[in-house]
Amino acid sequence: MSDNSKDAAYWSANLRLIIWSLVIWAIASFGFGILLRPLLSGIAVGGTDLGFWFAQQGSILVFLGLIFFYAWRMNKLDREHGVDEQ
């Protein structure tokens, strides 16, 4: 493979990972916390309804989980494409 096609494959995988991470975060924060809150009001979590929990804590925890997942996956992707720091 040429260098340009290797670079394109690397950035394509990187952008795909970023887009999916943003979609998951948007669903967790905006979707569950705002749009689907009335549907989630009957499910109790920690003394409050699930929609409120997602709006206050769940979206933050999902975001933190996505940060760790992104770092792990990017390290793996860097090794696969030969651009790791080691």
PDB file of N, CA and C in Angstrom:
ATOM      1  N   MET A   1       0.833  -1.183   0.000  1.00  0.00           N
ATOM      2  CA  MET A   1       0.000   0.000   0.000  1.00  0.00           C
ATOM      3  C   MET A   1       0.875   1.242   0.000  1.00  0.00           C
ATOM      4  N   SER A   2       0.422   2.260  -0.671  1.00  0.00           N
ATOM      5  CA  SER A   2       1.176   3.506  -0.691  1.00  0.00           C
ATOM      6  C   SER A   2       0.942   4.275   0.607  1.00  0.00           C
ATOM      7  N   ASP A   3       1.814   5.255   0.842  1.00  0.00           N
ATOM      8  CA  ASP A   3       1.711   6.043   2.070  1.00  0.00           C
ATOM      9  C   ASP A   3       0.397   6.807   2.150  1.00  0.00           C
ATOM     10  N   ASN A   4      -0.064   7.317   1.004  1.00  0.00           N
ATOM     11  CA  ASN A   4      -1.319   8.078   1.004  1.00  0.00           C
ATOM     12  C   ASN A   4      -2.512   7.203   1.371  1.00  0.00           C
ATOM     13  N   SER A   5      -2.538   5.957   0.877  1.00  0.00           N
ATOM     14  CA  SER A   5      -3.661   5.076   1.199  1.00  0.00           C
ATOM     15  C   SER A   5      -3.588   4.613   2.657  1.00  0.00           C
ATOM     16  N   LYS A   6      -2.373   4.448   3.195  1.00  0.00           N
ATOM     17  CA  LYS A   6      -2.225   4.104   4.619  1.00  0.00           C
ATOM     18  C   LYS A   6      -2.710   5.244   5.499  1.00  0.00           C
ATOM     19  N   ASP A   7      -2.324   6.466   5.116  1.00  0.00           N
ATOM     20  CA  ASP A   7      -2.770   7.642   5.870  1.00  0.00           C
ATOM     21  C   ASP A   7      -4.285   7.784   5.797  1.00  0.00           C
ATOM     22  N   ALA A   8      -4.840   7.567   4.628  1.00  0.00           N
ATOM     23  CA  ALA A   8      -6.296   7.684   4.455  1.00  0.00           C
ATOM     24  C   ALA A   8      -7.031   6.629   5.279  1.00  0.00           C
ATOM     25  N   ALA A   9      -6.508   5.416   5.326  1.00  0.00           N
ATOM     26  CA  ALA A   9      -7.137   4.355   6.122  1.00  0.00           C
ATOM     27  C   ALA A   9      -7.072   4.683   7.607  1.00  0.00           C
ATOM     28  N   TYR A  10      -5.936   5.214   8.051  1.00  0.00           N
ATOM     29  CA  TYR A  10      -5.769   5.584   9.461  1.00  0.00           C
ATOM     30  C   TYR A  10      -6.749   6.688   9.847  1.00  0.00           C
ATOM     31  N   TRP A  11      -6.825   7.740   9.050  1.00  0.00           N
ATOM     32  CA  TRP A  11      -7.711   8.852   9.376  1.00  0.00           C
ATOM     33  C   TRP A  11      -9.176   8.489   9.213  1.00  0.00           C
ATOM     34  N   SER A  12      -9.471   7.609   8.302  1.00  0.00           N
ATOM     35  CA  SER A  12     -10.834   7.133   8.158  1.00  0.00           C
ATOM     36  C   SER A  12     -11.280   6.379   9.408  1.00  0.00           C
ATOM     37  N   ALA A  13     -10.410   5.501   9.911  1.00  0.00           N
ATOM     38  CA  ALA A  13     -10.724   4.763  11.141  1.00  0.00           C
ATOM     39  C   ALA A  13     -10.818   5.713  12.327  1.00  0.00           C
ATOM     40  N   ASN A  14      -9.942   6.711  12.379  1.00  0.00           N
ATOM     41  CA  ASN A  14      -9.958   7.693  13.457  1.00  0.00           C
ATOM     42  C   ASN A  14     -11.255   8.504  13.440  1.00  0.00           C
ATOM     43  N   LEU A  15     -11.651   8.992  12.279  1.00  0.00           N
ATOM     44  CA  LEU A  15     -12.880   9.771  12.172  1.00  0.00           C
ATOM     45  C   LEU A  15     -14.117   8.936  12.485  1.00  0.00           C
ATOM     46  N   ARG A  16     -14.108   7.681  12.052  1.00  0.00           N
ATOM     47  CA  ARG A  16     -15.228   6.796  12.356  1.00  0.00           C
ATOM     48  C   ARG A  16     -15.365   6.595  13.871  1.00  0.00           C
ATOM     49  N   LEU A  17     -14.245   6.438  14.553  1.00  0.00           N
ATOM     50  CA  LEU A  17     -14.247   6.289  16.011  1.00  0.00           C
ATOM     51  C   LEU A  17     -14.752   7.560  16.689  1.00  0.00           C
ATOM     52  N   ILE A  18     -14.324   8.708  16.219  1.00  0.00           N
ATOM     53  CA  ILE A  18     -14.773   9.983  16.798  1.00  0.00           C
ATOM     54  C   ILE A  18     -16.269  10.174  16.578  1.00  0.00           C
ATOM     55  N   ILE A  19     -16.747   9.902  15.381  1.00  0.00           N
ATOM     56  CA  ILE A  19     -18.166  10.095  15.076  1.00  0.00           C
ATOM     57  C   ILE A  19     -19.033   9.175  15.930  1.00  0.00           C
ATOM     58  N   TRP A  20     -18.652   7.894  16.051  1.00  0.00           N
ATOM     59  CA  TRP A  20     -19.436   6.976  16.876  1.00  0.00           C
ATOM     60  C   TRP A  20     -19.410   7.380  18.344  1.00  0.00           C
ATOM     61  N   SER A  21     -18.279   7.867  18.815  1.00  0.00           N
ATOM     62  CA  SER A  21     -18.197   8.320  20.204  1.00  0.00           C
ATOM     63  C   SER A  21     -19.119   9.517  20.435  1.00  0.00           C
ATOM     64  N   LEU A  22     -19.137  10.456  19.506  1.00  0.00           N
ATOM     65  CA  LEU A  22     -20.021  11.615  19.636  1.00  0.00           C
ATOM     66  C   LEU A  22     -21.494  11.229  19.554  1.00  0.00           C
ATOM     67  N   VAL A  23     -21.813  10.269  18.705  1.00  0.00           N
ATOM     68  CA  VAL A  23     -23.200   9.809  18.596  1.00  0.00           C
ATOM     69  C   VAL A  23     -23.650   9.158  19.900  1.00  0.00           C
ATOM     70  N   ILE A  24     -22.810   8.314  20.481  1.00  0.00           N
ATOM     71  CA  ILE A  24     -23.142   7.663  21.753  1.00  0.00           C
ATOM     72  C   ILE A  24     -23.316   8.705  22.848  1.00  0.00           C
ATOM     73  N   TRP A  25     -22.429   9.670  22.899  1.00  0.00           N
ATOM     74  CA  TRP A  25     -22.529  10.704  23.929  1.00  0.00           C
ATOM     75  C   TRP A  25     -23.781  11.556  23.735  1.00  0.00           C
ATOM     76  N   ALA A  26     -24.120  11.885  22.498  1.00  0.00           N
ATOM     77  CA  ALA A  26     -25.320  12.679  22.227  1.00  0.00           C
ATOM     78  C   ALA A  26     -26.582  11.916  22.621  1.00  0.00           C
ATOM     79  N   ILE A  27     -26.614  10.631  22.333  1.00  0.00           N
ATOM     80  CA  ILE A  27     -27.773   9.823  22.717  1.00  0.00           C
ATOM     81  C   ILE A  27     -27.895   9.754  24.229  1.00  0.00           C
ATOM     82  N   ALA A  28     -26.770   9.558  24.914  1.00  0.00           N
ATOM     83  CA  ALA A  28     -26.803   9.452  26.377  1.00  0.00           C
ATOM     84  C   ALA A  28     -27.169  10.778  27.036  1.00  0.00           C
ATOM     85  N   SER A  29     -26.639  11.872  26.540  1.00  0.00           N
ATOM     86  CA  SER A  29     -26.888  13.154  27.211  1.00  0.00           C
ATOM     87  C   SER A  29     -28.179  13.816  26.725  1.00  0.00           C
ATOM     88  N   PHE A  30     -28.306  14.030  25.446  1.00  0.00           N
ATOM     89  CA  PHE A  30     -29.482  14.730  24.910  1.00  0.00           C
ATOM     90  C   PHE A  30     -30.684  13.796  24.798  1.00  0.00           C
ATOM     91  N   GLY A  31     -30.437  12.599  24.296  1.00  0.00           N
ATOM     92  CA  GLY A  31     -31.539  11.659  24.102  1.00  0.00           C
ATOM     93  C   GLY A  31     -32.150  11.183  25.401  1.00  0.00           C
ATOM     94  N   PHE A  32     -31.338  10.542  26.259  1.00  0.00           N
ATOM     95  CA  PHE A  32     -31.862   9.993  27.509  1.00  0.00           C
ATOM     96  C   PHE A  32     -32.163  11.073  28.530  1.00  0.00           C
ATOM     97  N   GLY A  33     -31.372  12.121  28.561  1.00  0.00           N
ATOM     98  CA  GLY A  33     -31.556  13.161  29.573  1.00  0.00           C
ATOM     99  C   GLY A  33     -32.657  14.148  29.262  1.00  0.00           C
ATOM    100  N   ILE A  34     -32.973  14.371  27.966  1.00  0.00           N
ATOM    101  CA  ILE A  34     -33.958  15.392  27.610  1.00  0.00           C
ATOM    102  C   ILE A  34     -35.123  14.790  26.812  1.00  0.00           C
ATOM    103  N   LEU A  35     -34.843  14.202  25.667  1.00  0.00           N
ATOM    104  CA  LEU A  35     -35.911  13.750  24.786  1.00  0.00           C
ATOM    105  C   LEU A  35     -36.692  12.558  25.342  1.00  0.00           C
ATOM    106  N   LEU A  36     -35.995  11.589  25.900  1.00  0.00           N
ATOM    107  CA  LEU A  36     -36.650  10.378  26.384  1.00  0.00           C
ATOM    108  C   LEU A  36     -36.938  10.411  27.879  1.00  0.00           C
ATOM    109  N   ARG A  37     -36.766  11.559  28.507  1.00  0.00           N
ATOM    110  CA  ARG A  37     -36.975  11.645  29.956  1.00  0.00           C
ATOM    111  C   ARG A  37     -38.371  11.224  30.382  1.00  0.00           C
ATOM    112  N   PRO A  38     -39.432  11.639  29.691  1.00  0.00           N
ATOM    113  CA  PRO A  38     -40.768  11.182  30.117  1.00  0.00           C
ATOM    114  C   PRO A  38     -40.941   9.664  30.056  1.00  0.00           C
ATOM    115  N   LEU A  39     -40.310   9.025  29.077  1.00  0.00           N
ATOM    116  CA  LEU A  39     -40.413   7.567  28.973  1.00  0.00           C
ATOM    117  C   LEU A  39     -39.617   6.857  30.072  1.00  0.00           C
ATOM    118  N   LEU A  40     -38.560   7.490  30.556  1.00  0.00           N
ATOM    119  CA  LEU A  40     -37.701   6.876  31.565  1.00  0.00           C
ATOM    120  C   LEU A  40     -38.104   7.242  32.984  1.00  0.00           C
ATOM    121  N   SER A  41     -39.180   8.021  33.149  1.00  0.00           N
ATOM    122  CA  SER A  41     -39.542   8.511  34.481  1.00  0.00           C
ATOM    123  C   SER A  41     -40.032   7.404  35.407  1.00  0.00           C
ATOM    124  N   GLY A  42     -40.498   6.300  34.875  1.00  0.00           N
ATOM    125  CA  GLY A  42     -41.001   5.216  35.713  1.00  0.00           C
ATOM    126  C   GLY A  42     -39.924   4.297  36.247  1.00  0.00           C
ATOM    127  N   ILE A  43     -38.707   4.423  35.774  1.00  0.00           N
ATOM    128  CA  ILE A  43     -37.604   3.554  36.198  1.00  0.00           C
ATOM    129  C   ILE A  43     -36.805   4.275  37.272  1.00  0.00           C
ATOM    130  N   ALA A  44     -36.744   3.685  38.461  1.00  0.00           N
ATOM    131  CA  ALA A  44     -36.062   4.330  39.588  1.00  0.00           C
ATOM    132  C   ALA A  44     -34.595   3.912  39.651  1.00  0.00           C
ATOM    133  N   VAL A  45     -33.726   4.894  39.819  1.00  0.00           N
ATOM    134  CA  VAL A  45     -32.291   4.662  39.990  1.00  0.00           C
ATOM    135  C   VAL A  45     -31.802   5.596  41.094  1.00  0.00           C
ATOM    136  N   GLY A  46     -31.314   5.037  42.171  1.00  0.00           N
ATOM    137  CA  GLY A  46     -30.748   5.849  43.246  1.00  0.00           C
ATOM    138  C   GLY A  46     -31.720   6.844  43.854  1.00  0.00           C
ATOM    139  N   GLY A  47     -32.989   6.489  43.956  1.00  0.00           N
ATOM    140  CA  GLY A  47     -33.964   7.377  44.561  1.00  0.00           C
ATOM    141  C   GLY A  47     -34.572   8.402  43.620  1.00  0.00           C
ATOM    142  N   THR A  48     -34.225   8.374  42.361  1.00  0.00           N
ATOM    143  CA  THR A  48     -34.787   9.313  41.384  1.00  0.00           C
ATOM    144  C   THR A  48     -35.087   8.559  40.091  1.00  0.00           C
ATOM    145  N   ASP A  49     -35.710   9.217  39.136  1.00  0.00           N
ATOM    146  CA  ASP A  49     -36.020   8.514  37.881  1.00  0.00           C
ATOM    147  C   ASP A  49     -34.797   8.483  36.964  1.00  0.00           C
ATOM    148  N   LEU A  50     -34.810   7.534  36.056  1.00  0.00           N
ATOM    149  CA  LEU A  50     -33.664   7.294  35.180  1.00  0.00           C
ATOM    150  C   LEU A  50     -33.365   8.475  34.261  1.00  0.00           C
ATOM    151  N   GLY A  51     -34.385   9.170  33.780  1.00  0.00           N
ATOM    152  CA  GLY A  51     -34.157  10.334  32.919  1.00  0.00           C
ATOM    153  C   GLY A  51     -33.409  11.437  33.639  1.00  0.00           C
ATOM    154  N   PHE A  52     -33.798  11.714  34.878  1.00  0.00           N
ATOM    155  CA  PHE A  52     -33.098  12.721  35.673  1.00  0.00           C
ATOM    156  C   PHE A  52     -31.669  12.266  35.968  1.00  0.00           C
ATOM    157  N   TRP A  53     -31.495  10.982  36.247  1.00  0.00           N
ATOM    158  CA  TRP A  53     -30.162  10.458  36.531  1.00  0.00           C
ATOM    159  C   TRP A  53     -29.243  10.650  35.325  1.00  0.00           C
ATOM    160  N   PHE A  54     -29.746  10.356  34.119  1.00  0.00           N
ATOM    161  CA  PHE A  54     -28.930  10.557  32.917  1.00  0.00           C
ATOM    162  C   PHE A  54     -28.604  12.026  32.723  1.00  0.00           C
ATOM    163  N   ALA A  55     -29.551  12.905  32.990  1.00  0.00           N
ATOM    164  CA  ALA A  55     -29.306  14.336  32.813  1.00  0.00           C
ATOM    165  C   ALA A  55     -28.264  14.841  33.801  1.00  0.00           C
ATOM    166  N   GLN A  56     -28.229  14.300  35.009  1.00  0.00           N
ATOM    167  CA  GLN A  56     -27.335  14.807  36.049  1.00  0.00           C
ATOM    168  C   GLN A  56     -26.007  14.050  36.128  1.00  0.00           C
ATOM    169  N   GLN A  57     -26.031  12.733  36.029  1.00  0.00           N
ATOM    170  CA  GLN A  57     -24.815  11.956  36.254  1.00  0.00           C
ATOM    171  C   GLN A  57     -24.483  11.001  35.118  1.00  0.00           C
ATOM    172  N   GLY A  58     -25.501  10.418  34.533  1.00  0.00           N
ATOM    173  CA  GLY A  58     -25.278   9.386  33.533  1.00  0.00           C
ATOM    174  C   GLY A  58     -24.507   9.857  32.324  1.00  0.00           C
ATOM    175  N   SER A  59     -24.823  11.039  31.820  1.00  0.00           N
ATOM    176  CA  SER A  59     -24.123  11.527  30.629  1.00  0.00           C
ATOM    177  C   SER A  59     -22.653  11.807  30.935  1.00  0.00           C
ATOM    178  N   ILE A  60     -22.375  12.241  32.166  1.00  0.00           N
ATOM    179  CA  ILE A  60     -20.978  12.479  32.552  1.00  0.00           C
ATOM    180  C   ILE A  60     -20.221  11.157  32.643  1.00  0.00           C
ATOM    181  N   LEU A  61     -20.857  10.141  33.234  1.00  0.00           N
ATOM    182  CA  LEU A  61     -20.203   8.832  33.335  1.00  0.00           C
ATOM    183  C   LEU A  61     -20.006   8.193  31.968  1.00  0.00           C
ATOM    184  N   VAL A  62     -20.979   8.362  31.080  1.00  0.00           N
ATOM    185  CA  VAL A  62     -20.822   7.861  29.713  1.00  0.00           C
ATOM    186  C   VAL A  62     -19.671   8.581  29.025  1.00  0.00           C
ATOM    187  N   PHE A  63     -19.567   9.891  29.213  1.00  0.00           N
ATOM    188  CA  PHE A  63     -18.482  10.667  28.623  1.00  0.00           C
ATOM    189  C   PHE A  63     -17.124  10.187  29.145  1.00  0.00           C
ATOM    190  N   LEU A  64     -17.007   9.960  30.446  1.00  0.00           N
ATOM    191  CA  LEU A  64     -15.744   9.461  31.003  1.00  0.00           C
ATOM    192  C   LEU A  64     -15.401   8.076  30.466  1.00  0.00           C
ATOM    193  N   GLY A  65     -16.416   7.222  30.345  1.00  0.00           N
ATOM    194  CA  GLY A  65     -16.190   5.899  29.756  1.00  0.00           C
ATOM    195  C   GLY A  65     -15.724   5.997  28.310  1.00  0.00           C
ATOM    196  N   LEU A  66     -16.305   6.934  27.564  1.00  0.00           N
ATOM    197  CA  LEU A  66     -15.899   7.129  26.170  1.00  0.00           C
ATOM    198  C   LEU A  66     -14.464   7.641  26.067  1.00  0.00           C
ATOM    199  N   ILE A  67     -14.040   8.463  27.013  1.00  0.00           N
ATOM    200  CA  ILE A  67     -12.652   8.950  27.007  1.00  0.00           C
ATOM    201  C   ILE A  67     -11.689   7.783  27.140  1.00  0.00           C
ATOM    202  N   PHE A  68     -11.946   6.900  28.102  1.00  0.00           N
ATOM    203  CA  PHE A  68     -11.060   5.748  28.293  1.00  0.00           C
ATOM    204  C   PHE A  68     -11.125   4.789  27.109  1.00  0.00           C
ATOM    205  N   PHE A  69     -12.322   4.568  26.565  1.00  0.00           N
ATOM    206  CA  PHE A  69     -12.453   3.707  25.395  1.00  0.00           C
ATOM    207  C   PHE A  69     -11.704   4.297  24.201  1.00  0.00           C
ATOM    208  N   TYR A  70     -11.835   5.614  23.986  1.00  0.00           N
ATOM    209  CA  TYR A  70     -11.168   6.262  22.855  1.00  0.00           C
ATOM    210  C   TYR A  70      -9.647   6.153  22.987  1.00  0.00           C
ATOM    211  N   ALA A  71      -9.126   6.375  24.190  1.00  0.00           N
ATOM    212  CA  ALA A  71      -7.672   6.278  24.401  1.00  0.00           C
ATOM    213  C   ALA A  71      -7.191   4.852  24.144  1.00  0.00           C
ATOM    214  N   TRP A  72      -7.924   3.863  24.654  1.00  0.00           N
ATOM    215  CA  TRP A  72      -7.538   2.466  24.447  1.00  0.00           C
ATOM    216  C   TRP A  72      -7.584   2.100  22.961  1.00  0.00           C
ATOM    217  N   ARG A  73      -8.679   2.503  22.290  1.00  0.00           N
ATOM    218  CA  ARG A  73      -8.849   2.150  20.882  1.00  0.00           C
ATOM    219  C   ARG A  73      -7.853   2.877  19.988  1.00  0.00           C
ATOM    220  N   MET A  74      -7.534   4.124  20.301  1.00  0.00           N
ATOM    221  CA  MET A  74      -6.557   4.861  19.500  1.00  0.00           C
ATOM    222  C   MET A  74      -5.157   4.273  19.662  1.00  0.00           C
ATOM    223  N   ASN A  75      -4.803   3.831  20.865  1.00  0.00           N
ATOM    224  CA  ASN A  75      -3.507   3.163  21.044  1.00  0.00           C
ATOM    225  C   ASN A  75      -3.436   1.905  20.191  1.00  0.00           C
ATOM    226  N   LYS A  76      -4.519   1.139  20.175  1.00  0.00           N
ATOM    227  CA  LYS A  76      -4.569  -0.061  19.343  1.00  0.00           C
ATOM    228  C   LYS A  76      -4.492   0.295  17.863  1.00  0.00           C
ATOM    229  N   LEU A  77      -5.221   1.333  17.458  1.00  0.00           N
ATOM    230  CA  LEU A  77      -5.216   1.776  16.065  1.00  0.00           C
ATOM    231  C   LEU A  77      -3.831   2.286  15.655  1.00  0.00           C
ATOM    232  N   ASP A  78      -3.167   3.013  16.544  1.00  0.00           N
ATOM    233  CA  ASP A  78      -1.811   3.500  16.267  1.00  0.00           C
ATOM    234  C   ASP A  78      -0.845   2.338  16.037  1.00  0.00           C
ATOM    235  N   ARG A  79      -0.946   1.303  16.865  1.00  0.00           N
ATOM    236  CA  ARG A  79      -0.075   0.131  16.691  1.00  0.00           C
ATOM    237  C   ARG A  79      -0.368  -0.586  15.380  1.00  0.00           C
ATOM    238  N   GLU A  80      -1.657  -0.688  15.034  1.00  0.00           N
ATOM    239  CA  GLU A  80      -2.022  -1.366  13.782  1.00  0.00           C
ATOM    240  C   GLU A  80      -1.482  -0.643  12.550  1.00  0.00           C
ATOM    241  N   HIS A  81      -1.402   0.675  12.605  1.00  0.00           N
ATOM    242  CA  HIS A  81      -0.954   1.461  11.458  1.00  0.00           C
ATOM    243  C   HIS A  81       0.501   1.915  11.566  1.00  0.00           C
ATOM    244  N   GLY A  82       1.183   1.465  12.609  1.00  0.00           N
ATOM    245  CA  GLY A  82       2.608   1.769  12.743  1.00  0.00           C
ATOM    246  C   GLY A  82       2.937   3.210  13.087  1.00  0.00           C
ATOM    247  N   VAL A  83       2.060   3.881  13.784  1.00  0.00           N
ATOM    248  CA  VAL A  83       2.324   5.263  14.173  1.00  0.00           C
ATOM    249  C   VAL A  83       2.322   5.433  15.692  1.00  0.00           C
ATOM    250  N   ASP A  84       2.534   4.327  16.411  1.00  0.00           N
ATOM    251  CA  ASP A  84       2.562   4.433  17.867  1.00  0.00           C
ATOM    252  C   ASP A  84       3.844   5.094  18.338  1.00  0.00           C
ATOM    253  N   GLU A  85       3.858   5.499  19.592  1.00  0.00           N
ATOM    254  CA  GLU A  85       4.961   6.299  20.125  1.00  0.00           C
ATOM    255  C   GLU A  85       6.118   5.461  20.635  1.00  0.00           C
ATOM    256  N   GLN A  86       6.020   4.155  20.564  1.00  0.00           N
ATOM    257  CA  GLN A  86       7.082   3.323  21.150  1.00  0.00           C
ATOM    258  C   GLN A  86       8.078   2.883  20.135  1.00  0.00           C
TER     259      GLN A  86
END
